[in-house]
Every structure is written in C-alpha cells, then in structure tokens.
Amino acid sequence: NLLYKFFALSKFHLWKLSSHDYIFKTHLGITLWHILIINTMCTFIYLSNFPEEDWMKKLIYILKWLVIFILFESLLLKFNHVHYYNGWNIGWTILFDIIMFLMLRLHFKRPLWAIILSFPSTLFYLKVFGYFD
C-alpha cells in the first residue's frame, strides 16, 4: 500500500479509502492510519501465527486470511468506505491479497528473494494500470 501511494498517487488512484468519519478528516489521515497501524498489526498477527507444519496447514492459513481480507473489503465497499478507480475492482484486490500474503511470508523467511520477486510484481501492476502511459 505504501509503495502504491508512492508510485501511483502522482498519476491517479486505483483505490481510495473514504475519510468521512469523525477521527480522520483527510485521505492522508486515513491512509497513514491504515498503513502504520492496521497493516502493521495484521502483518504481525499473520506472521506470528503462521503454521510451521505441512503445506496443507499453511495453505488453509493463507486462505483464512484471504477470506478475512476480502470480507472486510466487501464490507467497506458496501458501506462506501472504499472506492475503486481506473479499472481496479475486487478481482484485482483478491489477486493483490494473494500475492501480498505469499510475499509477506517469503519476506519473513527469505527477504532477498521477496525483494527480487516484488519488482516484477510491482512493474506488472504499474504497466497494467497505465502508470507508464
């Protein structure tokens, strides 16, 4: 999310969280809250409880997190707290979340590989959504 804000925000939004509540009056406020608090807490919980057993338990664990994130985003959509732009949709969110959960674990175990693999993933999204146009 932070890299997305850094790269894509200068051109256009793909998604934007609404800031129409009592605590956060600006998009920047809600974005910082999301990046610094929500993402950090979710990452810590996700990684600290990741199973070390067989691949099936790992797969089920990742799928549980994926379902939680998609359900949460679906609620945000339903109540107009997130808006999509420039072709982004829930399908892209699902793909992004799958990659994100796999990369989080990879970064925890093999940081260099995660960084190397993140470059083509980032370039893919930038290309597909017209950053270079």
N, C-alpha and C. Protein backbone atom coordinates (compact mmCIF):
# COMPACT_ATOMS: atom_id res chain seq x y z
N ASN A 1 0.83 -1.20 0.00
CA ASN A 1 0.00 0.00 0.00
C ASN A 1 0.87 1.26 0.00
N LEU A 2 1.93 1.23 0.78
CA LEU A 2 2.82 2.38 0.84
C LEU A 2 3.50 2.61 -0.51
N LEU A 3 3.98 1.53 -1.15
CA LEU A 3 4.60 1.68 -2.46
C LEU A 3 3.59 2.15 -3.50
N TYR A 4 2.36 1.64 -3.40
CA TYR A 4 1.31 2.11 -4.30
C TYR A 4 1.13 3.61 -4.15
N LYS A 5 1.04 4.09 -2.92
CA LYS A 5 0.86 5.53 -2.70
C LYS A 5 2.03 6.31 -3.28
N PHE A 6 3.23 5.78 -3.13
CA PHE A 6 4.42 6.46 -3.62
C PHE A 6 4.41 6.55 -5.15
N PHE A 7 4.14 5.43 -5.83
CA PHE A 7 4.21 5.41 -7.29
C PHE A 7 2.97 5.97 -7.96
N ALA A 8 1.83 5.41 -7.65
CA ALA A 8 0.63 5.67 -8.44
C ALA A 8 -0.09 6.95 -8.04
N LEU A 9 0.09 7.42 -6.85
CA LEU A 9 -0.66 8.59 -6.40
C LEU A 9 -0.34 9.83 -7.23
N SER A 10 0.88 9.89 -7.74
CA SER A 10 1.23 11.05 -8.55
C SER A 10 0.44 11.10 -9.85
N LYS A 11 -0.06 9.98 -10.32
CA LYS A 11 -0.81 9.93 -11.58
C LYS A 11 -2.30 9.80 -11.35
N PHE A 12 -2.72 8.82 -10.55
CA PHE A 12 -4.14 8.57 -10.31
C PHE A 12 -4.32 7.55 -9.20
N HIS A 13 -5.53 7.48 -8.70
CA HIS A 13 -5.87 6.48 -7.69
C HIS A 13 -6.35 5.21 -8.36
N LEU A 14 -6.05 4.07 -7.73
CA LEU A 14 -6.68 2.81 -8.09
C LEU A 14 -7.76 2.48 -7.07
N TRP A 15 -7.47 2.79 -5.83
CA TRP A 15 -8.47 2.69 -4.78
C TRP A 15 -8.23 3.82 -3.80
N LYS A 16 -9.27 4.18 -3.13
CA LYS A 16 -9.15 5.28 -2.17
C LYS A 16 -10.09 4.99 -1.01
N LEU A 17 -9.55 5.05 0.20
CA LEU A 17 -10.36 4.89 1.39
C LEU A 17 -11.05 6.21 1.70
N SER A 18 -12.29 6.13 2.09
CA SER A 18 -13.04 7.35 2.43
C SER A 18 -12.58 7.88 3.77
N SER A 19 -12.63 9.17 3.91
CA SER A 19 -12.22 9.81 5.16
C SER A 19 -13.38 10.59 5.76
N HIS A 20 -14.59 10.09 5.57
CA HIS A 20 -15.75 10.82 6.06
C HIS A 20 -16.21 10.30 7.43
N ASP A 21 -15.27 10.22 8.36
CA ASP A 21 -15.67 9.85 9.71
C ASP A 21 -15.23 10.95 10.67
N TYR A 22 -15.37 10.69 11.96
CA TYR A 22 -15.11 11.72 12.96
C TYR A 22 -13.64 11.83 13.36
N ILE A 23 -12.88 10.79 13.12
CA ILE A 23 -11.48 10.81 13.53
C ILE A 23 -10.59 11.36 12.42
N PHE A 24 -10.77 10.84 11.21
CA PHE A 24 -9.90 11.21 10.11
C PHE A 24 -10.66 12.10 9.14
N LYS A 25 -10.23 13.32 9.04
CA LYS A 25 -10.90 14.28 8.17
C LYS A 25 -10.31 14.32 6.77
N THR A 26 -9.13 13.72 6.60
CA THR A 26 -8.47 13.77 5.29
C THR A 26 -8.11 12.36 4.80
N HIS A 27 -7.90 12.26 3.51
CA HIS A 27 -7.46 10.99 2.92
C HIS A 27 -6.08 10.61 3.47
N LEU A 28 -5.20 11.57 3.66
CA LEU A 28 -3.88 11.30 4.21
C LEU A 28 -3.98 10.69 5.60
N GLY A 29 -4.87 11.21 6.42
CA GLY A 29 -5.02 10.69 7.78
C GLY A 29 -5.45 9.24 7.79
N ILE A 30 -6.46 8.90 7.02
CA ILE A 30 -6.94 7.52 6.97
C ILE A 30 -5.90 6.60 6.34
N THR A 31 -5.16 7.09 5.35
CA THR A 31 -4.11 6.29 4.71
C THR A 31 -2.99 5.99 5.69
N LEU A 32 -2.54 7.00 6.42
CA LEU A 32 -1.48 6.78 7.41
C LEU A 32 -1.93 5.82 8.50
N TRP A 33 -3.16 5.96 8.97
CA TRP A 33 -3.71 5.05 9.97
C TRP A 33 -3.69 3.62 9.43
N HIS A 34 -4.12 3.46 8.21
CA HIS A 34 -4.19 2.14 7.60
C HIS A 34 -2.80 1.53 7.43
N ILE A 35 -1.86 2.31 6.91
CA ILE A 35 -0.52 1.81 6.65
C ILE A 35 0.25 1.56 7.95
N LEU A 36 0.25 2.53 8.84
CA LEU A 36 1.09 2.44 10.04
C LEU A 36 0.50 1.57 11.15
N ILE A 37 -0.81 1.54 11.28
CA ILE A 37 -1.41 0.79 12.38
C ILE A 37 -2.04 -0.52 11.90
N ILE A 38 -3.00 -0.44 11.02
CA ILE A 38 -3.75 -1.62 10.59
C ILE A 38 -2.84 -2.63 9.89
N ASN A 39 -2.11 -2.18 8.86
CA ASN A 39 -1.23 -3.11 8.14
C ASN A 39 -0.16 -3.70 9.04
N THR A 40 0.41 -2.89 9.91
CA THR A 40 1.46 -3.38 10.81
C THR A 40 0.91 -4.44 11.77
N MET A 41 -0.25 -4.18 12.35
CA MET A 41 -0.85 -5.15 13.27
C MET A 41 -1.22 -6.44 12.55
N CYS A 42 -1.82 -6.34 11.39
CA CYS A 42 -2.21 -7.53 10.63
C CYS A 42 -0.98 -8.35 10.23
N THR A 43 0.07 -7.68 9.80
CA THR A 43 1.29 -8.38 9.42
C THR A 43 1.89 -9.12 10.61
N PHE A 44 1.94 -8.47 11.75
CA PHE A 44 2.48 -9.10 12.95
C PHE A 44 1.67 -10.33 13.34
N ILE A 45 0.36 -10.20 13.35
CA ILE A 45 -0.50 -11.33 13.73
C ILE A 45 -0.38 -12.46 12.70
N TYR A 46 -0.41 -12.10 11.43
CA TYR A 46 -0.29 -13.10 10.35
C TYR A 46 1.01 -13.89 10.47
N LEU A 47 2.12 -13.21 10.59
CA LEU A 47 3.41 -13.89 10.62
C LEU A 47 3.66 -14.62 11.94
N SER A 48 3.21 -14.06 13.04
CA SER A 48 3.50 -14.69 14.33
C SER A 48 2.70 -15.96 14.55
N ASN A 49 1.63 -16.16 13.81
CA ASN A 49 0.81 -17.36 13.97
C ASN A 49 0.89 -18.30 12.77
N PHE A 50 1.80 -18.01 11.86
CA PHE A 50 1.92 -18.83 10.65
C PHE A 50 2.35 -20.25 11.03
N PRO A 51 1.63 -21.26 10.55
CA PRO A 51 1.98 -22.64 10.92
C PRO A 51 3.30 -23.08 10.28
N GLU A 52 4.05 -23.86 11.02
CA GLU A 52 5.32 -24.40 10.52
C GLU A 52 5.17 -25.83 10.06
N GLU A 53 3.95 -26.39 10.19
CA GLU A 53 3.73 -27.78 9.82
C GLU A 53 3.66 -27.95 8.31
N ASP A 54 2.88 -28.92 7.90
CA ASP A 54 2.79 -29.30 6.49
C ASP A 54 2.19 -28.19 5.63
N TRP A 55 2.33 -28.35 4.32
CA TRP A 55 1.90 -27.33 3.36
C TRP A 55 0.39 -27.12 3.38
N MET A 56 -0.40 -28.17 3.73
CA MET A 56 -1.86 -28.02 3.76
C MET A 56 -2.29 -27.05 4.85
N LYS A 57 -1.67 -27.12 6.01
CA LYS A 57 -1.99 -26.17 7.08
C LYS A 57 -1.59 -24.75 6.69
N LYS A 58 -0.50 -24.62 5.99
CA LYS A 58 -0.07 -23.31 5.51
C LYS A 58 -1.06 -22.75 4.50
N LEU A 59 -1.49 -23.60 3.57
CA LEU A 59 -2.46 -23.19 2.56
C LEU A 59 -3.78 -22.75 3.21
N ILE A 60 -4.28 -23.54 4.14
CA ILE A 60 -5.53 -23.21 4.83
C ILE A 60 -5.38 -21.90 5.60
N TYR A 61 -4.24 -21.70 6.23
CA TYR A 61 -3.98 -20.47 6.98
C TYR A 61 -4.02 -19.24 6.06
N ILE A 62 -3.34 -19.35 4.92
CA ILE A 62 -3.34 -18.24 3.95
C ILE A 62 -4.76 -18.00 3.43
N LEU A 63 -5.48 -19.06 3.13
CA LEU A 63 -6.86 -18.91 2.64
C LEU A 63 -7.76 -18.24 3.67
N LYS A 64 -7.57 -18.57 4.95
CA LYS A 64 -8.36 -17.91 6.01
C LYS A 64 -8.12 -16.41 6.01
N TRP A 65 -6.86 -16.02 5.91
CA TRP A 65 -6.53 -14.60 5.89
C TRP A 65 -7.08 -13.93 4.64
N LEU A 66 -7.00 -14.62 3.54
CA LEU A 66 -7.53 -14.08 2.29
C LEU A 66 -9.04 -13.84 2.41
N VAL A 67 -9.76 -14.80 2.96
CA VAL A 67 -11.21 -14.65 3.15
C VAL A 67 -11.51 -13.48 4.08
N ILE A 68 -10.77 -13.37 5.16
CA ILE A 68 -10.98 -12.26 6.11
C ILE A 68 -10.79 -10.92 5.41
N PHE A 69 -9.72 -10.78 4.66
CA PHE A 69 -9.44 -9.51 3.98
C PHE A 69 -10.50 -9.20 2.92
N ILE A 70 -10.93 -10.21 2.17
CA ILE A 70 -11.93 -9.98 1.13
C ILE A 70 -13.27 -9.63 1.75
N LEU A 71 -13.65 -10.32 2.82
CA LEU A 71 -14.90 -9.98 3.51
C LEU A 71 -14.86 -8.55 4.05
N PHE A 72 -13.74 -8.18 4.65
CA PHE A 72 -13.61 -6.83 5.18
C PHE A 72 -13.70 -5.78 4.07
N GLU A 73 -13.02 -6.03 2.97
CA GLU A 73 -13.08 -5.08 1.86
C GLU A 73 -14.48 -5.03 1.25
N SER A 74 -15.14 -6.17 1.20
CA SER A 74 -16.52 -6.19 0.71
C SER A 74 -17.43 -5.33 1.57
N LEU A 75 -17.22 -5.37 2.88
CA LEU A 75 -17.99 -4.50 3.78
C LEU A 75 -17.66 -3.03 3.54
N LEU A 76 -16.39 -2.73 3.35
CA LEU A 76 -16.00 -1.35 3.05
C LEU A 76 -16.67 -0.87 1.78
N LEU A 77 -16.72 -1.74 0.77
CA LEU A 77 -17.39 -1.40 -0.49
C LEU A 77 -18.88 -1.16 -0.27
N LYS A 78 -19.50 -2.07 0.46
CA LYS A 78 -20.95 -1.98 0.68
C LYS A 78 -21.34 -0.66 1.36
N PHE A 79 -20.50 -0.22 2.29
CA PHE A 79 -20.81 1.00 3.03
C PHE A 79 -20.07 2.23 2.50
N ASN A 80 -19.57 2.13 1.27
CA ASN A 80 -18.91 3.25 0.58
C ASN A 80 -17.72 3.83 1.33
N HIS A 81 -16.94 2.95 1.94
CA HIS A 81 -15.73 3.42 2.62
C HIS A 81 -14.47 3.19 1.78
N VAL A 82 -14.62 2.50 0.66
CA VAL A 82 -13.53 2.35 -0.29
C VAL A 82 -14.14 2.51 -1.68
N HIS A 83 -13.37 3.17 -2.55
CA HIS A 83 -13.83 3.41 -3.91
C HIS A 83 -12.72 2.98 -4.87
N TYR A 84 -13.12 2.37 -5.98
CA TYR A 84 -12.18 1.90 -6.98
C TYR A 84 -12.19 2.85 -8.17
N TYR A 85 -11.02 2.96 -8.81
CA TYR A 85 -10.87 3.83 -9.96
C TYR A 85 -10.00 3.15 -11.01
N ASN A 86 -10.11 3.64 -12.24
CA ASN A 86 -9.21 3.25 -13.34
C ASN A 86 -9.11 1.75 -13.57
N GLY A 87 -10.22 1.05 -13.42
CA GLY A 87 -10.25 -0.37 -13.72
C GLY A 87 -9.99 -1.30 -12.55
N TRP A 88 -9.63 -0.75 -11.41
CA TRP A 88 -9.43 -1.62 -10.23
C TRP A 88 -10.78 -2.14 -9.79
N ASN A 89 -10.82 -3.39 -9.31
CA ASN A 89 -12.05 -3.98 -8.80
C ASN A 89 -11.70 -5.05 -7.76
N ILE A 90 -12.71 -5.69 -7.23
CA ILE A 90 -12.49 -6.68 -6.18
C ILE A 90 -11.64 -7.85 -6.68
N GLY A 91 -11.73 -8.16 -7.96
CA GLY A 91 -10.89 -9.22 -8.53
C GLY A 91 -9.41 -8.88 -8.44
N TRP A 92 -9.07 -7.63 -8.76
CA TRP A 92 -7.68 -7.19 -8.62
C TRP A 92 -7.25 -7.20 -7.16
N THR A 93 -8.16 -6.85 -6.27
CA THR A 93 -7.86 -6.89 -4.84
C THR A 93 -7.54 -8.31 -4.40
N ILE A 94 -8.31 -9.27 -4.87
CA ILE A 94 -8.06 -10.67 -4.50
C ILE A 94 -6.68 -11.10 -4.97
N LEU A 95 -6.34 -10.80 -6.23
CA LEU A 95 -5.02 -11.14 -6.76
C LEU A 95 -3.93 -10.45 -5.94
N PHE A 96 -4.12 -9.18 -5.66
CA PHE A 96 -3.14 -8.43 -4.87
C PHE A 96 -2.97 -9.07 -3.49
N ASP A 97 -4.08 -9.43 -2.84
CA ASP A 97 -4.01 -10.02 -1.50
C ASP A 97 -3.30 -11.37 -1.51
N ILE A 98 -3.54 -12.18 -2.53
CA ILE A 98 -2.85 -13.47 -2.64
C ILE A 98 -1.34 -13.24 -2.71
N ILE A 99 -0.95 -12.35 -3.59
CA ILE A 99 0.48 -12.05 -3.74
C ILE A 99 1.03 -11.46 -2.45
N MET A 100 0.28 -10.57 -1.82
CA MET A 100 0.73 -9.93 -0.59
C MET A 100 0.99 -10.96 0.51
N PHE A 101 0.05 -11.89 0.73
CA PHE A 101 0.24 -12.87 1.80
C PHE A 101 1.40 -13.81 1.50
N LEU A 102 1.57 -14.20 0.25
CA LEU A 102 2.71 -15.04 -0.11
C LEU A 102 4.03 -14.28 0.07
N MET A 103 4.06 -13.02 -0.35
CA MET A 103 5.28 -12.22 -0.23
C MET A 103 5.63 -11.90 1.22
N LEU A 104 4.63 -11.69 2.05
CA LEU A 104 4.90 -11.44 3.47
C LEU A 104 5.65 -12.61 4.10
N ARG A 105 5.16 -13.80 3.83
CA ARG A 105 5.82 -14.99 4.38
C ARG A 105 7.20 -15.18 3.78
N LEU A 106 7.30 -15.01 2.46
CA LEU A 106 8.59 -15.14 1.81
C LEU A 106 9.58 -14.11 2.36
N HIS A 107 9.12 -12.88 2.55
CA HIS A 107 10.00 -11.84 3.08
C HIS A 107 10.46 -12.19 4.49
N PHE A 108 9.62 -12.82 5.27
CA PHE A 108 9.99 -13.23 6.62
C PHE A 108 11.06 -14.32 6.58
N LYS A 109 10.95 -15.26 5.63
CA LYS A 109 11.88 -16.38 5.54
C LYS A 109 13.10 -16.09 4.66
N ARG A 110 12.87 -15.42 3.53
CA ARG A 110 13.92 -15.15 2.55
C ARG A 110 13.76 -13.74 2.01
N PRO A 111 14.19 -12.74 2.78
CA PRO A 111 13.95 -11.34 2.39
C PRO A 111 14.49 -10.96 1.01
N LEU A 112 15.66 -11.43 0.67
CA LEU A 112 16.25 -11.06 -0.61
C LEU A 112 15.39 -11.57 -1.77
N TRP A 113 14.90 -12.80 -1.68
CA TRP A 113 14.04 -13.34 -2.73
C TRP A 113 12.74 -12.56 -2.83
N ALA A 114 12.21 -12.18 -1.70
CA ALA A 114 10.95 -11.41 -1.72
C ALA A 114 11.16 -10.07 -2.40
N ILE A 115 12.26 -9.42 -2.13
CA ILE A 115 12.54 -8.13 -2.76
C ILE A 115 12.73 -8.32 -4.26
N ILE A 116 13.48 -9.33 -4.65
CA ILE A 116 13.71 -9.61 -6.07
C ILE A 116 12.39 -9.89 -6.78
N LEU A 117 11.54 -10.70 -6.20
CA LEU A 117 10.26 -11.06 -6.82
C LEU A 117 9.24 -9.93 -6.77
N SER A 118 9.42 -9.00 -5.88
CA SER A 118 8.49 -7.87 -5.78
C SER A 118 8.63 -6.91 -6.96
N PHE A 119 9.80 -6.82 -7.53
CA PHE A 119 9.99 -5.91 -8.66
C PHE A 119 9.12 -6.25 -9.85
N PRO A 120 9.12 -7.50 -10.34
CA PRO A 120 8.24 -7.80 -11.48
C PRO A 120 6.76 -7.64 -11.12
N SER A 121 6.39 -7.96 -9.90
CA SER A 121 5.00 -7.80 -9.48
C SER A 121 4.60 -6.33 -9.51
N THR A 122 5.45 -5.48 -8.99
CA THR A 122 5.18 -4.05 -8.98
C THR A 122 5.12 -3.51 -10.41
N LEU A 123 6.07 -3.90 -11.24
CA LEU A 123 6.08 -3.46 -12.64
C LEU A 123 4.82 -3.93 -13.37
N PHE A 124 4.36 -5.14 -13.06
CA PHE A 124 3.14 -5.66 -13.67
C PHE A 124 1.96 -4.74 -13.37
N TYR A 125 1.76 -4.41 -12.11
CA TYR A 125 0.63 -3.55 -11.75
C TYR A 125 0.77 -2.15 -12.34
N LEU A 126 1.97 -1.61 -12.32
CA LEU A 126 2.18 -0.28 -12.90
C LEU A 126 1.88 -0.28 -14.39
N LYS A 127 2.29 -1.34 -15.09
CA LYS A 127 2.03 -1.44 -16.53
C LYS A 127 0.54 -1.63 -16.82
N VAL A 128 -0.08 -2.58 -16.14
CA VAL A 128 -1.50 -2.89 -16.39
C VAL A 128 -2.39 -1.67 -16.16
N PHE A 129 -2.07 -0.88 -15.16
CA PHE A 129 -2.94 0.26 -14.83
C PHE A 129 -2.43 1.58 -15.38
N GLY A 130 -1.54 1.51 -16.37
CA GLY A 130 -1.21 2.69 -17.16
C GLY A 130 -0.28 3.70 -16.52
N TYR A 131 0.54 3.29 -15.58
CA TYR A 131 1.45 4.23 -14.96
C TYR A 131 2.47 4.79 -15.96
N PHE A 132 2.88 3.98 -16.92
CA PHE A 132 3.91 4.37 -17.87
C PHE A 132 3.33 5.08 -19.12
N ASP A 133 2.02 5.18 -19.21
CA ASP A 133 1.39 5.80 -20.40
C ASP A 133 1.52 7.31 -20.36
